[in-house]
C-alpha atoms as a PDB file:
ATOM      1  CA  MET A   1    -148.458 -26.009 -42.846  1.00  0.00           C
ATOM      2  CA  VAL A   2    -144.802 -25.857 -41.879  1.00  0.00           C
ATOM      3  CA  GLU A   3    -142.520 -24.617 -44.619  1.00  0.00           C
ATOM      4  CA  ARG A   4    -139.405 -26.726 -45.088  1.00  0.00           C
ATOM      5  CA  ARG A   5    -136.131 -24.987 -45.819  1.00  0.00           C
ATOM      6  CA  PRO A   6    -133.366 -27.592 -46.195  1.00  0.00           C
ATOM      7  CA  LEU A   7    -130.567 -25.027 -46.478  1.00  0.00           C
ATOM      8  CA  ALA A   8    -131.650 -23.119 -43.358  1.00  0.00           C
ATOM      9  CA  THR A   9    -132.054 -26.388 -41.453  1.00  0.00           C
ATOM     10  CA  PHE A  10    -128.579 -27.542 -42.503  1.00  0.00           C
ATOM     11  CA  ILE A  11    -126.969 -24.228 -41.513  1.00  0.00           C
ATOM     12  CA  SER A  12    -128.686 -24.134 -38.111  1.00  0.00           C
ATOM     13  CA  HIS A  13    -127.709 -27.721 -37.343  1.00  0.00           C
ATOM     14  CA  PHE A  14    -124.149 -27.088 -38.529  1.00  0.00           C
ATOM     15  CA  VAL A  15    -123.829 -24.064 -36.222  1.00  0.00           C
ATOM     16  CA  LEU A  16    -125.264 -26.037 -33.295  1.00  0.00           C
ATOM     17  CA  ILE A  17    -122.922 -28.981 -33.888  1.00  0.00           C
ATOM     18  CA  LEU A  18    -119.953 -26.627 -34.227  1.00  0.00           C
ATOM     19  CA  GLY A  19    -120.889 -24.954 -30.949  1.00  0.00           C
ATOM     20  CA  VAL A  20    -121.137 -28.328 -29.191  1.00  0.00           C
ATOM     21  CA  ILE A  21    -117.700 -29.305 -30.517  1.00  0.00           C
ATOM     22  CA  VAL A  22    -116.144 -26.036 -29.356  1.00  0.00           C
ATOM     23  CA  VAL A  23    -117.616 -26.470 -25.866  1.00  0.00           C
ATOM     24  CA  ALA A  24    -117.158 -30.235 -25.534  1.00  0.00           C
ATOM     25  CA  PHE A  25    -113.644 -30.659 -26.966  1.00  0.00           C
ATOM     26  CA  PRO A  26    -111.798 -29.111 -23.961  1.00  0.00           C
ATOM     27  CA  LEU A  27    -113.860 -31.349 -21.677  1.00  0.00           C
ATOM     28  CA  TYR A  28    -112.946 -34.359 -23.786  1.00  0.00           C
ATOM     29  CA  VAL A  29    -109.245 -33.452 -23.666  1.00  0.00           C
ATOM     30  CA  THR A  30    -109.481 -33.079 -19.888  1.00  0.00           C
ATOM     31  CA  LEU A  31    -111.132 -36.471 -19.576  1.00  0.00           C
ATOM     32  CA  VAL A  32    -108.555 -38.123 -21.835  1.00  0.00           C
ATOM     33  CA  ALA A  33    -105.668 -36.489 -19.950  1.00  0.00           C
ATOM     34  CA  SER A  34    -107.036 -37.854 -16.677  1.00  0.00           C
ATOM     35  CA  THR A  35    -106.563 -41.406 -17.991  1.00  0.00           C
ATOM     36  CA  HIS A  36    -102.860 -41.108 -18.919  1.00  0.00           C
ATOM     37  CA  THR A  37     -99.628 -40.708 -16.978  1.00  0.00           C
ATOM     38  CA  ALA A  38     -98.070 -37.281 -16.472  1.00  0.00           C
ATOM     39  CA  GLN A  39     -95.280 -38.189 -18.909  1.00  0.00           C
ATOM     40  CA  ASP A  40     -97.759 -39.040 -21.658  1.00  0.00           C
ATOM     41  CA  ILE A  41     -99.559 -35.713 -21.275  1.00  0.00           C
ATOM     42  CA  VAL A  42     -96.451 -33.525 -21.703  1.00  0.00           C
ATOM     43  CA  GLN A  43     -95.479 -35.366 -24.874  1.00  0.00           C
ATOM     44  CA  VAL A  44     -96.019 -33.695 -28.249  1.00  0.00           C
ATOM     45  CA  PRO A  45     -98.511 -34.506 -29.574  1.00  0.00           C
ATOM     46  CA  MET A  46    -100.606 -35.396 -26.556  1.00  0.00           C
ATOM     47  CA  PRO A  47    -102.673 -38.604 -26.907  1.00  0.00           C
ATOM     48  CA  LEU A  48    -106.288 -37.964 -27.867  1.00  0.00           C
ATOM     49  CA  LEU A  49    -107.588 -41.427 -26.993  1.00  0.00           C
ATOM     50  CA  PRO A  50    -108.334 -42.636 -23.436  1.00  0.00           C
ATOM     51  CA  GLY A  51    -105.494 -44.386 -21.653  1.00  0.00           C
ATOM     52  CA  PRO A  52    -105.350 -47.308 -19.181  1.00  0.00           C
ATOM     53  CA  HIS A  53    -104.730 -45.328 -15.976  1.00  0.00           C
ATOM     54  CA  LEU A  54    -108.214 -43.984 -15.252  1.00  0.00           C
ATOM     55  CA  ILE A  55    -108.848 -45.844 -11.983  1.00  0.00           C
ATOM     56  CA  GLU A  56    -105.424 -45.232 -10.455  1.00  0.00           C
ATOM     57  CA  ASN A  57    -105.425 -41.521 -11.388  1.00  0.00           C
ATOM     58  CA  TYR A  58    -108.827 -40.889  -9.864  1.00  0.00           C
ATOM     59  CA  ALA A  59    -107.955 -42.940  -6.789  1.00  0.00           C
ATOM     60  CA  ALA A  60    -104.734 -40.937  -6.363  1.00  0.00           C
ATOM     61  CA  ALA A  61    -106.678 -37.674  -6.708  1.00  0.00           C
ATOM     62  CA  LEU A  62    -109.369 -38.661  -4.217  1.00  0.00           C
ATOM     63  CA  GLN A  63    -106.837 -39.913  -1.670  1.00  0.00           C
ATOM     64  CA  GLY A  64    -104.178 -37.236  -2.256  1.00  0.00           C
ATOM     65  CA  THR A  65    -101.387 -39.740  -2.868  1.00  0.00           C
ATOM     66  CA  SER A  66     -99.719 -38.131  -5.897  1.00  0.00           C
ATOM     67  CA  GLY A  67     -95.980 -37.448  -5.780  1.00  0.00           C
ATOM     68  CA  SER A  68     -96.234 -33.818  -6.854  1.00  0.00           C
ATOM     69  CA  ALA A  69     -94.308 -31.085  -5.047  1.00  0.00           C
ATOM     70  CA  ALA A  70     -97.481 -28.977  -4.963  1.00  0.00           C
ATOM     71  CA  SER A  71    -100.545 -29.461  -2.771  1.00  0.00           C
ATOM     72  CA  THR A  72    -101.548 -33.109  -2.321  1.00  0.00           C
ATOM     73  CA  ALA A  73    -104.690 -32.557  -0.246  1.00  0.00           C
ATOM     74  CA  PRO A  74    -107.221 -35.365  -0.836  1.00  0.00           C
ATOM     75  CA  VAL A  75    -109.758 -34.291  -3.442  1.00  0.00           C
ATOM     76  CA  GLY A  76    -112.449 -36.227  -1.591  1.00  0.00           C
ATOM     77  CA  ARG A  77    -111.967 -33.928   1.396  1.00  0.00           C
ATOM     78  CA  MET A  78    -111.883 -30.818  -0.802  1.00  0.00           C
ATOM     79  CA  MET A  79    -115.108 -31.843  -2.542  1.00  0.00           C
ATOM     80  CA  PHE A  80    -116.753 -32.349   0.852  1.00  0.00           C
ATOM     81  CA  VAL A  81    -115.700 -28.840   1.911  1.00  0.00           C
ATOM     82  CA  SER A  82    -117.022 -27.415  -1.364  1.00  0.00           C
ATOM     83  CA  LEU A  83    -120.286 -29.342  -1.015  1.00  0.00           C
ATOM     84  CA  VAL A  84    -120.909 -28.143   2.539  1.00  0.00           C
ATOM     85  CA  SER A  85    -120.014 -24.563   1.606  1.00  0.00           C
ATOM     86  CA  ALA A  86    -122.223 -24.576  -1.512  1.00  0.00           C
ATOM     87  CA  LEU A  87    -125.214 -26.045   0.331  1.00  0.00           C
ATOM     88  CA  VAL A  88    -124.907 -23.655   3.283  1.00  0.00           C
ATOM     89  CA  ILE A  89    -124.552 -20.652   0.952  1.00  0.00           C
ATOM     90  CA  ALA A  90    -127.482 -21.746  -1.237  1.00  0.00           C
ATOM     91  CA  PHE A  91    -129.895 -22.573   1.587  1.00  0.00           C
ATOM     92  CA  GLY A  92    -128.725 -19.597   3.658  1.00  0.00           C
ATOM     93  CA  LYS A  93    -129.226 -17.121   0.815  1.00  0.00           C
ATOM     94  CA  ILE A  94    -132.678 -18.501   0.017  1.00  0.00           C
ATOM     95  CA  ALA A  95    -133.850 -18.566   3.658  1.00  0.00           C
ATOM     96  CA  ILE A  96    -132.642 -15.048   4.474  1.00  0.00           C
ATOM     97  CA  SER A  97    -133.943 -13.644   1.182  1.00  0.00           C
ATOM     98  CA  LEU A  98    -137.379 -15.234   1.628  1.00  0.00           C
ATOM     99  CA  LEU A  99    -137.786 -13.842   5.135  1.00  0.00           C
ATOM    100  CA  SER A 100    -136.476 -10.371   4.274  1.00  0.00           C
ATOM    101  CA  ALA A 101    -138.686 -10.123   1.167  1.00  0.00           C
ATOM    102  CA  PHE A 102    -141.676 -11.354   3.196  1.00  0.00           C
ATOM    103  CA  ALA A 103    -141.075  -8.690   5.848  1.00  0.00           C
ATOM    104  CA  ILE A 104    -140.653  -5.892   3.277  1.00  0.00           C
ATOM    105  CA  VAL A 105    -143.805  -6.781   1.318  1.00  0.00           C
ATOM    106  CA  TYR A 106    -146.283  -7.837   4.013  1.00  0.00           C
ATOM    107  CA  PHE A 107    -145.312  -5.812   7.090  1.00  0.00           C
ATOM    108  CA  ARG A 108    -145.822  -2.087   7.535  1.00  0.00           C
ATOM    109  CA  PHE A 109    -143.091  -0.494   9.626  1.00  0.00           C
ATOM    110  CA  PRO A 110    -141.226   2.839   9.530  1.00  0.00           C
ATOM    111  CA  GLY A 111    -138.419   2.925   7.005  1.00  0.00           C
ATOM    112  CA  ARG A 112    -139.624  -0.179   5.177  1.00  0.00           C
ATOM    113  CA  MET A 113    -138.612   1.084   1.712  1.00  0.00           C
ATOM    114  CA  PHE A 114    -135.411   2.580   3.093  1.00  0.00           C
ATOM    115  CA  PHE A 115    -134.308  -0.833   4.309  1.00  0.00           C
ATOM    116  CA  PHE A 116    -135.262  -2.403   0.986  1.00  0.00           C
ATOM    117  CA  TRP A 117    -133.197   0.099  -0.981  1.00  0.00           C
ATOM    118  CA  ALA A 118    -130.339  -0.255   1.516  1.00  0.00           C
ATOM    119  CA  ILE A 119    -130.352  -3.988   0.748  1.00  0.00           C
ATOM    120  CA  PHE A 120    -130.638  -3.350  -2.972  1.00  0.00           C
ATOM    121  CA  VAL A 121    -127.716  -0.889  -3.015  1.00  0.00           C
ATOM    122  CA  THR A 122    -125.407  -3.636  -1.709  1.00  0.00           C
ATOM    123  CA  LEU A 123    -125.497  -5.045  -5.253  1.00  0.00           C
ATOM    124  CA  MET A 124    -122.876  -2.397  -5.981  1.00  0.00           C
ATOM    125  CA  LEU A 125    -120.684  -3.765  -3.180  1.00  0.00           C
ATOM    126  CA  PRO A 126    -119.702  -7.345  -4.064  1.00  0.00           C
ATOM    127  CA  VAL A 127    -117.310  -9.352  -1.921  1.00  0.00           C
ATOM    128  CA  GLU A 128    -114.346  -8.198  -4.010  1.00  0.00           C
ATOM    129  CA  VAL A 129    -115.031  -4.544  -3.100  1.00  0.00           C
ATOM    130  CA  ARG A 130    -115.497  -5.087   0.664  1.00  0.00           C
ATOM    131  CA  ILE A 131    -113.047  -7.940   0.962  1.00  0.00           C
ATOM    132  CA  GLY A 132    -110.629  -6.056   3.234  1.00  0.00           C
ATOM    133  CA  PRO A 133    -113.019  -5.156   6.076  1.00  0.00           C
ATOM    134  CA  THR A 134    -114.852  -8.460   5.684  1.00  0.00           C
ATOM    135  CA  TYR A 135    -111.626 -10.379   6.166  1.00  0.00           C
ATOM    136  CA  GLN A 136    -110.805  -8.246   9.213  1.00  0.00           C
ATOM    137  CA  VAL A 137    -114.169  -9.069  10.807  1.00  0.00           C
ATOM    138  CA  VAL A 138    -113.822 -12.789  10.063  1.00  0.00           C
ATOM    139  CA  SER A 139    -110.290 -12.804  11.465  1.00  0.00           C
ATOM    140  CA  ASP A 140    -111.298 -10.930  14.634  1.00  0.00           C
ATOM    141  CA  LEU A 141    -114.122 -13.412  15.232  1.00  0.00           C
ATOM    142  CA  GLY A 142    -111.723 -16.364  14.895  1.00  0.00           C
ATOM    143  CA  MET A 143    -113.516 -17.814  11.873  1.00  0.00           C
ATOM    144  CA  LEU A 144    -110.472 -18.430   9.667  1.00  0.00           C
ATOM    145  CA  ASN A 145    -110.097 -22.031   8.443  1.00  0.00           C
ATOM    146  CA  SER A 146    -113.704 -22.822   9.327  1.00  0.00           C
ATOM    147  CA  TYR A 147    -116.967 -23.494   7.523  1.00  0.00           C
ATOM    148  CA  ALA A 148    -118.437 -20.362   9.114  1.00  0.00           C
ATOM    149  CA  GLY A 149    -115.651 -18.248   7.647  1.00  0.00           C
ATOM    150  CA  LEU A 150    -116.182 -19.782   4.207  1.00  0.00           C
ATOM    151  CA  THR A 151    -119.949 -19.300   4.148  1.00  0.00           C
ATOM    152  CA  VAL A 152    -121.326 -16.634   6.503  1.00  0.00           C
ATOM    153  CA  PRO A 153    -119.887 -13.575   4.652  1.00  0.00           C
ATOM    154  CA  LEU A 154    -121.392 -14.872   1.377  1.00  0.00           C
ATOM    155  CA  ILE A 155    -124.892 -15.737   2.598  1.00  0.00           C
ATOM    156  CA  ALA A 156    -126.657 -12.371   2.274  1.00  0.00           C
ATOM    157  CA  SER A 157    -128.059 -11.823  -1.229  1.00  0.00           C
ATOM    158  CA  ALA A 158    -129.672  -8.616  -2.452  1.00  0.00           C
ATOM    159  CA  THR A 159    -130.458 -10.234  -5.808  1.00  0.00           C
ATOM    160  CA  ALA A 160    -132.502 -13.057  -4.288  1.00  0.00           C
ATOM    161  CA  THR A 161    -134.264 -10.613  -1.932  1.00  0.00           C
ATOM    162  CA  PHE A 162    -135.232  -8.432  -4.890  1.00  0.00           C
ATOM    163  CA  LEU A 163    -136.494 -11.403  -6.923  1.00  0.00           C
ATOM    164  CA  PHE A 164    -138.611 -12.758  -4.072  1.00  0.00           C
ATOM    165  CA  ARG A 165    -139.981  -9.275  -3.339  1.00  0.00           C
ATOM    166  CA  GLN A 166    -141.066  -8.865  -6.957  1.00  0.00           C
ATOM    167  CA  PHE A 167    -142.680 -12.300  -6.855  1.00  0.00           C
ATOM    168  CA  PHE A 168    -144.539 -11.617  -3.599  1.00  0.00           C
ATOM    169  CA  LEU A 169    -145.903  -8.367  -5.040  1.00  0.00           C
ATOM    170  CA  THR A 170    -147.677 -10.393  -7.745  1.00  0.00           C
ATOM    171  CA  VAL A 171    -149.493 -12.603  -5.226  1.00  0.00           C
ATOM    172  CA  PRO A 172    -153.190 -11.542  -5.235  1.00  0.00           C
ATOM    173  CA  ASP A 173    -154.379  -9.616  -2.201  1.00  0.00           C
ATOM    174  CA  GLU A 174    -157.370 -11.963  -2.081  1.00  0.00           C
ATOM    175  CA  LEU A 175    -155.077 -14.737  -0.830  1.00  0.00           C
ATOM    176  CA  VAL A 176    -153.907 -12.524   2.020  1.00  0.00           C
ATOM    177  CA  GLU A 177    -157.493 -11.630   2.937  1.00  0.00           C
ATOM    178  CA  ALA A 178    -158.607 -15.265   2.734  1.00  0.00           C
ATOM    179  CA  ALA A 179    -155.754 -16.355   5.005  1.00  0.00           C
ATOM    180  CA  ARG A 180    -156.614 -13.587   7.480  1.00  0.00           C
ATOM    181  CA  VAL A 181    -160.304 -14.594   7.503  1.00  0.00           C
ATOM    182  CA  ASP A 182    -159.311 -18.220   8.159  1.00  0.00           C
ATOM    183  CA  GLY A 183    -157.308 -17.078  11.161  1.00  0.00           C
ATOM    184  CA  ALA A 184    -153.870 -17.756   9.719  1.00  0.00           C
ATOM    185  CA  GLY A 185    -151.068 -15.730  11.245  1.00  0.00           C
ATOM    186  CA  PRO A 186    -148.137 -14.284   9.302  1.00  0.00           C
ATOM    187  CA  LEU A 187    -145.918 -17.345   9.674  1.00  0.00           C
ATOM    188  CA  ARG A 188    -148.778 -19.704   8.799  1.00  0.00           C
ATOM    189  CA  PHE A 189    -149.518 -17.634   5.664  1.00  0.00           C
ATOM    190  CA  PHE A 190    -145.817 -17.676   4.809  1.00  0.00           C
ATOM    191  CA  LYS A 191    -145.488 -21.449   5.264  1.00  0.00           C
ATOM    192  CA  ASP A 192    -148.766 -22.624   3.725  1.00  0.00           C
ATOM    193  CA  VAL A 193    -149.293 -20.078   0.943  1.00  0.00           C
ATOM    194  CA  LEU A 194    -146.129 -18.243  -0.075  1.00  0.00           C
ATOM    195  CA  LEU A 195    -143.643 -21.118   0.134  1.00  0.00           C
ATOM    196  CA  PRO A 196    -145.677 -23.482  -2.114  1.00  0.00           C
ATOM    197  CA  LEU A 197    -146.154 -20.663  -4.627  1.00  0.00           C
ATOM    198  CA  SER A 198    -142.412 -19.924  -4.559  1.00  0.00           C
ATOM    199  CA  THR A 199    -141.250 -23.495  -5.196  1.00  0.00           C
ATOM    200  CA  THR A 200    -140.077 -22.968  -8.779  1.00  0.00           C
ATOM    201  CA  SER A 201    -138.345 -19.683  -7.943  1.00  0.00           C
ATOM    202  CA  ILE A 202    -136.600 -21.339  -4.991  1.00  0.00           C
ATOM    203  CA  ALA A 203    -135.446 -24.202  -7.220  1.00  0.00           C
ATOM    204  CA  ALA A 204    -134.053 -21.829  -9.854  1.00  0.00           C
ATOM    205  CA  LEU A 205    -132.235 -19.767  -7.247  1.00  0.00           C
ATOM    206  CA  PHE A 206    -130.896 -22.897  -5.563  1.00  0.00           C
ATOM    207  CA  VAL A 207    -129.202 -24.000  -8.792  1.00  0.00           C
ATOM    208  CA  ILE A 208    -127.668 -20.555  -9.315  1.00  0.00           C
ATOM    209  CA  GLN A 209    -126.527 -20.154  -5.724  1.00  0.00           C
ATOM    210  CA  PHE A 210    -125.186 -23.711  -5.450  1.00  0.00           C
ATOM    211  CA  ILE A 211    -122.955 -23.169  -8.488  1.00  0.00           C
ATOM    212  CA  TYR A 212    -121.972 -19.755  -7.092  1.00  0.00           C
ATOM    213  CA  GLY A 213    -120.938 -21.326  -3.792  1.00  0.00           C
ATOM    214  CA  TRP A 214    -119.188 -24.274  -5.442  1.00  0.00           C
ATOM    215  CA  ASN A 215    -117.078 -22.049  -7.719  1.00  0.00           C
ATOM    216  CA  GLN A 216    -115.830 -19.710  -4.986  1.00  0.00           C
ATOM    217  CA  TYR A 217    -112.089 -19.109  -5.257  1.00  0.00           C
ATOM    218  CA  LEU A 218    -111.036 -15.615  -4.125  1.00  0.00           C
ATOM    219  CA  TRP A 219    -112.709 -15.659  -0.701  1.00  0.00           C
ATOM    220  CA  PRO A 220    -111.513 -19.180   0.274  1.00  0.00           C
ATOM    221  CA  LEU A 221    -108.031 -18.183  -0.891  1.00  0.00           C
ATOM    222  CA  LEU A 222    -107.979 -15.545   1.849  1.00  0.00           C
ATOM    223  CA  VAL A 223    -109.667 -17.308   4.753  1.00  0.00           C
ATOM    224  CA  THR A 224    -108.108 -20.787   4.443  1.00  0.00           C
ATOM    225  CA  THR A 225    -104.493 -21.706   5.088  1.00  0.00           C
ATOM    226  CA  ASP A 226    -105.100 -25.281   6.206  1.00  0.00           C
ATOM    227  CA  GLU A 227    -105.190 -27.849   3.387  1.00  0.00           C
ATOM    228  CA  SER A 228    -108.027 -29.685   5.123  1.00  0.00           C
ATOM    229  CA  MET A 229    -110.267 -26.644   4.504  1.00  0.00           C
ATOM    230  CA  TYR A 230    -109.428 -26.090   0.834  1.00  0.00           C
ATOM    231  CA  PRO A 231    -112.466 -26.136  -1.488  1.00  0.00           C
ATOM    232  CA  VAL A 232    -111.918 -28.097  -4.673  1.00  0.00           C
ATOM    233  CA  VAL A 233    -111.653 -25.067  -6.997  1.00  0.00           C
ATOM    234  CA  MET A 234    -108.871 -23.644  -4.854  1.00  0.00           C
ATOM    235  CA  GLY A 235    -107.297 -27.096  -4.578  1.00  0.00           C
ATOM    236  CA  ILE A 236    -106.929 -27.340  -8.353  1.00  0.00           C
ATOM    237  CA  LYS A 237    -104.891 -24.139  -8.407  1.00  0.00           C
ATOM    238  CA  ARG A 238    -102.757 -25.308  -5.466  1.00  0.00           C
ATOM    239  CA  MET A 239    -101.919 -28.493  -7.354  1.00  0.00           C
ATOM    240  CA  ILE A 240    -100.121 -26.461 -10.027  1.00  0.00           C
ATOM    241  CA  SER A 241     -96.688 -25.576  -8.670  1.00  0.00           C
ATOM    242  CA  GLY A 242     -94.538 -24.626 -11.635  1.00  0.00           C
ATOM    243  CA  GLY A 243     -93.671 -25.771 -15.153  1.00  0.00           C
ATOM    244  CA  ASP A 244     -95.292 -28.648 -16.979  1.00  0.00           C
ATOM    245  CA  ALA A 245     -92.720 -31.192 -15.831  1.00  0.00           C
ATOM    246  CA  ALA A 246     -93.211 -30.274 -12.151  1.00  0.00           C
ATOM    247  CA  ASN A 247     -96.944 -31.048 -12.106  1.00  0.00           C
ATOM    248  CA  ASP A 248     -98.926 -34.250 -12.154  1.00  0.00           C
ATOM    249  CA  TRP A 249    -101.248 -33.059 -14.894  1.00  0.00           C
ATOM    250  CA  ASN A 250    -103.100 -36.346 -14.952  1.00  0.00           C
ATOM    251  CA  ILE A 251    -104.097 -35.816 -11.302  1.00  0.00           C
ATOM    252  CA  VAL A 252    -104.961 -32.167 -11.955  1.00  0.00           C
ATOM    253  CA  MET A 253    -107.197 -33.170 -14.863  1.00  0.00           C
ATOM    254  CA  ALA A 254    -108.838 -35.919 -12.826  1.00  0.00           C
ATOM    255  CA  THR A 255    -109.541 -33.358 -10.109  1.00  0.00           C
ATOM    256  CA  ALA A 256    -111.039 -30.981 -12.666  1.00  0.00           C
ATOM    257  CA  ILE A 257    -113.387 -33.705 -13.898  1.00  0.00           C
ATOM    258  CA  LEU A 258    -114.411 -34.579 -10.344  1.00  0.00           C
ATOM    259  CA  ALA A 259    -115.015 -30.892  -9.591  1.00  0.00           C
ATOM    260  CA  MET A 260    -117.412 -30.628 -12.532  1.00  0.00           C
ATOM    261  CA  ILE A 261    -119.588 -33.560 -11.497  1.00  0.00           C
ATOM    262  CA  PRO A 262    -121.648 -32.120  -8.565  1.00  0.00           C
ATOM    263  CA  PRO A 263    -122.700 -28.869 -10.343  1.00  0.00           C
ATOM    264  CA  ALA A 264    -123.540 -30.862 -13.462  1.00  0.00           C
ATOM    265  CA  VAL A 265    -125.635 -33.308 -11.441  1.00  0.00           C
ATOM    266  CA  VAL A 266    -127.508 -30.451  -9.739  1.00  0.00           C
ATOM    267  CA  VAL A 267    -128.262 -28.773 -13.076  1.00  0.00           C
ATOM    268  CA  ILE A 268    -129.377 -32.027 -14.714  1.00  0.00           C
ATOM    269  CA  LEU A 269    -131.607 -33.102 -11.828  1.00  0.00           C
ATOM    270  CA  MET A 270    -133.183 -29.675 -11.412  1.00  0.00           C
ATOM    271  CA  GLN A 271    -133.242 -28.581 -15.044  1.00  0.00           C
ATOM    272  CA  LYS A 272    -137.028 -28.745 -15.316  1.00  0.00           C
ATOM    273  CA  TRP A 273    -137.564 -26.713 -12.141  1.00  0.00           C
ATOM    274  CA  PHE A 274    -134.777 -24.313 -13.072  1.00  0.00           C
ATOM    275  CA  VAL A 275    -136.271 -23.457 -16.466  1.00  0.00           C
ATOM    276  CA  LYS A 276    -139.776 -23.268 -15.075  1.00  0.00           C
ATOM    277  CA  GLY A 277    -138.666 -20.949 -12.282  1.00  0.00           C
ATOM    278  CA  LEU A 278    -137.096 -18.562 -14.778  1.00  0.00           C
ATOM    279  CA  VAL A 279    -139.887 -18.453 -17.367  1.00  0.00           C
ATOM    280  CA  ASP A 280    -143.083 -19.434 -15.568  1.00  0.00           C
ATOM    281  CA  THR A 281    -145.358 -16.455 -14.960  1.00  0.00           C
ATOM    282  CA  GLU A 282    -148.427 -18.298 -13.701  1.00  0.00           C
ATOM    283  CA  LYS A 283    -149.322 -17.673 -10.086  1.00  0.00           C
END
């Protein structure tokens, strides 16, 4: 029998509702600001109800037709650059991590654990630490202002390699023996056995890595000087040129809303797989 505690239920719901308000109110203000003119937004107090300029503000953002003195790169183009970069980073990290973890777990070669720990130690060397030499290599290879320059230095992932290695270690040895008896080679075992078992882990990592790639700012800031190669997160910052009066805040807010849509869609569509990949322990 479930014991009912009205006071505890009220307090828990109150805290949850308060948390939702704290998180959702800035998003609501951003959405409202994207439906007004720039003059309305800088007024005191700022309107808190949606205005009549939603369609024209979003059209101006997507087409880059605002009259601001700052960057006016089309947001549609910037979102395409961000989408390509996020997908390449996510799929690249997963593919490389799967293959490296597969080699470390199922192949016996000299220095196997040395190479694993060498990969693992790179967790202490994020892009921010090695950004100087990485930029030099990208520049020498002529990859500035290109999709390769935006994505290739960010593809390798020690975290994903470690997670897949730990998962592969839990796969029963009987499956390996059964595949060997059936005449399956290493790649056949990888494709027909390991990949189906890793589906939920791949889905969870895809969500994490897609958001990681979408939100990149520091690295694109260094390797892109052409507005046509700006990702959307960097584009938002470039739209802000000075004081409040010098910016089209309605366009900036519309861009911020548009930038939130793809990650939100990915999380919503893959929420079930994401949660299952993080908590499921059944093999």
